[in-house]
Amino acid sequence: MSNKTKALLYNLISFAFIFILVRILLGEYSGLYGIWLPLTAFIVSTILAPKFQAVTTRDGDKIFMKWMFIKGIKQF
């Protein structure tokens, strides 16, 4: 599996996990209903989910992660 595919899967899995968690929490503890519940969960998840990117360097392909809760960019 290539690093670009891995980065895409990491992005999908992290977004899906945060989306489901936020949607459940908003459904339980807020007054949102209808289209507003998944729309709000989508926006919050887009902001909170870590971003993974595959980059070709001199040493080969590497995956880097940037997340608002971690300072800087980390090699993954």
C-alpha atoms as a PDB file:
ATOM      1  CA  MET A   1       0.000   0.000   0.000  1.00  0.00           C
ATOM      2  CA  SER A   2       1.441   3.376  -0.961  1.00  0.00           C
ATOM      3  CA  ASN A   3       1.904   6.206   1.514  1.00  0.00           C
ATOM      4  CA  LYS A   4      -0.640   8.345  -0.349  1.00  0.00           C
ATOM      5  CA  THR A   5      -3.243   5.640   0.182  1.00  0.00           C
ATOM      6  CA  LYS A   6      -2.274   5.316   3.849  1.00  0.00           C
ATOM      7  CA  ALA A   7      -2.558   9.081   4.349  1.00  0.00           C
ATOM      8  CA  LEU A   8      -6.001   9.060   2.723  1.00  0.00           C
ATOM      9  CA  LEU A   9      -7.147   6.202   4.970  1.00  0.00           C
ATOM     10  CA  TYR A  10      -5.753   7.921   8.087  1.00  0.00           C
ATOM     11  CA  ASN A  11      -7.644  11.106   7.141  1.00  0.00           C
ATOM     12  CA  LEU A  12     -10.854   9.148   6.579  1.00  0.00           C
ATOM     13  CA  ILE A  13     -10.602   7.112   9.781  1.00  0.00           C
ATOM     14  CA  SER A  14      -9.745  10.087  11.991  1.00  0.00           C
ATOM     15  CA  PHE A  15     -12.510  12.223  10.470  1.00  0.00           C
ATOM     16  CA  ALA A  16     -15.084   9.418  10.775  1.00  0.00           C
ATOM     17  CA  PHE A  17     -14.187   8.711  14.404  1.00  0.00           C
ATOM     18  CA  ILE A  18     -14.451  12.371  15.411  1.00  0.00           C
ATOM     19  CA  PHE A  19     -17.630  12.872  13.322  1.00  0.00           C
ATOM     20  CA  ILE A  20     -19.423   9.956  14.985  1.00  0.00           C
ATOM     21  CA  LEU A  21     -18.302  11.032  18.446  1.00  0.00           C
ATOM     22  CA  VAL A  22     -19.367  14.659  17.919  1.00  0.00           C
ATOM     23  CA  ARG A  23     -22.685  13.638  16.347  1.00  0.00           C
ATOM     24  CA  ILE A  24     -23.545  11.399  19.291  1.00  0.00           C
ATOM     25  CA  LEU A  25     -22.551  14.067  21.814  1.00  0.00           C
ATOM     26  CA  LEU A  26     -24.496  16.790  20.009  1.00  0.00           C
ATOM     27  CA  GLY A  27     -27.519  14.520  19.728  1.00  0.00           C
ATOM     28  CA  GLU A  28     -27.485  13.845  23.452  1.00  0.00           C
ATOM     29  CA  TYR A  29     -26.572  17.238  24.869  1.00  0.00           C
ATOM     30  CA  SER A  30     -27.822  19.868  22.420  1.00  0.00           C
ATOM     31  CA  GLY A  31     -31.161  20.858  21.012  1.00  0.00           C
ATOM     32  CA  LEU A  32     -30.076  20.338  17.413  1.00  0.00           C
ATOM     33  CA  TYR A  33     -32.210  18.174  15.149  1.00  0.00           C
ATOM     34  CA  GLY A  34     -32.795  17.562  11.463  1.00  0.00           C
ATOM     35  CA  ILE A  35     -30.091  18.610   9.017  1.00  0.00           C
ATOM     36  CA  TRP A  36     -28.397  20.845  11.612  1.00  0.00           C
ATOM     37  CA  LEU A  37     -27.127  17.921  13.677  1.00  0.00           C
ATOM     38  CA  PRO A  38     -24.970  16.230  10.983  1.00  0.00           C
ATOM     39  CA  LEU A  39     -24.023  19.584   9.441  1.00  0.00           C
ATOM     40  CA  THR A  40     -22.676  20.879  12.750  1.00  0.00           C
ATOM     41  CA  ALA A  41     -20.885  17.581  13.396  1.00  0.00           C
ATOM     42  CA  PHE A  42     -19.319  17.804   9.926  1.00  0.00           C
ATOM     43  CA  ILE A  43     -18.000  21.324  10.493  1.00  0.00           C
ATOM     44  CA  VAL A  44     -16.640  20.533  13.956  1.00  0.00           C
ATOM     45  CA  SER A  45     -15.029  17.308  12.710  1.00  0.00           C
ATOM     46  CA  THR A  46     -13.419  19.074   9.771  1.00  0.00           C
ATOM     47  CA  ILE A  47     -11.794  21.528  12.171  1.00  0.00           C
ATOM     48  CA  LEU A  48     -10.779  19.019  14.871  1.00  0.00           C
ATOM     49  CA  ALA A  49      -9.562  16.080  12.759  1.00  0.00           C
ATOM     50  CA  PRO A  50      -5.808  15.730  12.200  1.00  0.00           C
ATOM     51  CA  LYS A  51      -4.546  16.239   8.653  1.00  0.00           C
ATOM     52  CA  PHE A  52      -2.257  13.604   7.109  1.00  0.00           C
ATOM     53  CA  GLN A  53      -0.215  14.165   3.953  1.00  0.00           C
ATOM     54  CA  ALA A  54       2.194  11.953   2.000  1.00  0.00           C
ATOM     55  CA  VAL A  55       5.305  13.839   0.886  1.00  0.00           C
ATOM     56  CA  THR A  56       8.183  12.702  -1.296  1.00  0.00           C
ATOM     57  CA  THR A  57      11.492  13.710   0.310  1.00  0.00           C
ATOM     58  CA  ARG A  58      15.121  12.923  -0.434  1.00  0.00           C
ATOM     59  CA  ASP A  59      14.826   9.927   1.902  1.00  0.00           C
ATOM     60  CA  GLY A  60      11.703   8.593   0.153  1.00  0.00           C
ATOM     61  CA  ASP A  61       7.978   8.907   0.759  1.00  0.00           C
ATOM     62  CA  LYS A  62       6.952   9.929   4.257  1.00  0.00           C
ATOM     63  CA  ILE A  63       3.653  10.700   5.964  1.00  0.00           C
ATOM     64  CA  PHE A  64       3.324  13.896   7.973  1.00  0.00           C
ATOM     65  CA  MET A  65       0.563  14.877  10.380  1.00  0.00           C
ATOM     66  CA  LYS A  66      -0.617  18.297  11.495  1.00  0.00           C
ATOM     67  CA  TRP A  67      -3.120  18.659  14.290  1.00  0.00           C
ATOM     68  CA  MET A  68      -4.301  21.684  16.213  1.00  0.00           C
ATOM     69  CA  PHE A  69      -3.619  19.963  19.565  1.00  0.00           C
ATOM     70  CA  ILE A  70       0.026  19.153  18.730  1.00  0.00           C
ATOM     71  CA  LYS A  71       2.625  21.858  18.190  1.00  0.00           C
ATOM     72  CA  GLY A  72       4.304  21.678  14.802  1.00  0.00           C
ATOM     73  CA  ILE A  73       4.246  18.963  12.163  1.00  0.00           C
ATOM     74  CA  LYS A  74       4.984  15.372  13.154  1.00  0.00           C
ATOM     75  CA  GLN A  75       6.343  12.586  10.988  1.00  0.00           C
ATOM     76  CA  PHE A  76       4.007   9.638  11.158  1.00  0.00           C
END
